[in-house]
Amino acid sequence: MLVAGNERGGGASHLLALSAACHDDGERAFYFLVVGRGYLQERLSQTGVDCLILDGGMRQVAGNLIRFLRDEKTRRPLQRIFLHAHGPRMNVLACFAAKRSGVAWTSTLHSDPATDFLPSRLKTLLFARLNVSCLRRATAIFAVNQELISIVPGKPVFKVRNGALLQANSVDEETSRQRLRSQLGISSESFVIGMAVRLVPVKDIPTALRALALLDHPDVHLAIAGDGPMRAELEQLRQDLNLVQRVHFLGFLSPIGDFLAGLDIHVMSSVSEGTGLSILEAGYYGVPNVGTDIAGIRQLITDNETGFLFPAGDAQALADAWQRLFVDSVLRKRLAEAFKSRVLPLYAPRAMLDSYRTGYEQLEV
């Protein structure tokens, strides 16, 4: 597995769940090659899985990676070796290194390449095309939702559901609720909607802010856990909408469980998603979910059964969904319980590991 050490968000959660499943199952066929250091590198180093950190500039990293792959081919001449990349930068690196070392390579698509570099039109034109061009040279593709399967036609494609590494919160729900409201500096009775999200265009956080402005309930708040390049722009929008007292930016939080457990509603307003992992995490803590009606979220939420869906970019529809949940605690509980019983079992880390194994078994034939 070739991964970026500074990865955060859904891709990091996917890999941490996979590493945990490998460790728990005694799986030694997966080796993690970590490019650089950061959040994911630190977390992987704590899991006990086989892990090699590749430091230095890209030329040095590429050279070390090619030598490692050639050594592995020499050491295991009867086995087929796959280099498996995660993320656009790693796809380009894998394509280059695999060709020069003579190994096969594959990739997991976590998101639509067309949205990976928003809002930069230049980066989208150059890097997204480079990414897709490299993916066309891969031996096979793994994809986290059905919509992504069609991005690289003519290749073997295997669906692998994201696994969620879910851990029980260290405190009870009421303690989490009071901690969050104290952190926000609001009443202990305040109603809090939350997002755990990178502050980037594809997450369409402005729609959530505009939806909050449509709610005629001054003690309903929006708490945003995450950071990113749009923070200043979003803070300006908060001011323009007169929501300074009701929208709270908390920065990146890890672990995220205490934050999610303290919410009344969790929302994901993305215009594109591989799989909304924070939806799984919020559902685990018994928080009802509202998400956009797109493939990566629709596979998790059945509208009015395990949560609410709304059209991407439609602030009024989102506000309407929040209003229904705000006034009806029985509905909130019903949706949360249905999500726990019907959705969560499908996204266990072991199930994800089994999907990878199945894909590679078919490639070995």
Foldseek 3Di string as FASTA:
>chain_A
DEEEQADDDPLLQLVLLLLLLCLVVVPQLDAYEYEDHHDSNVSSVPRPHHYDYQYDDPVSSLVVLLVVLLVVCVVCVPDADEAEAEDLVRLLSRLVSCVNNVHAYEYEDWWQLQPPDPPDPVCSVPSSVSSLVSNLRHQAYEAQFDVCQPSRPPHHYFYFHRAGDEDDDPDDLLVLQQVVCVVLVHDSPAAEEEEEDEPGPQQVCVLVLVLVLVDPDLRYAYEYAAYYDCVVVVCVSCVVSVNNSGYHYDHHDPPCLSVLSNHQEYEGQGPIGRANNVCLHSLVSLHAYEYEPDGNDCVQDDDLQQHHYDHRPDSNRVSVRVVVSVVDVPSRNRNSVRSVVPHNVCRHSNSSNVSVVVVVVVVVD
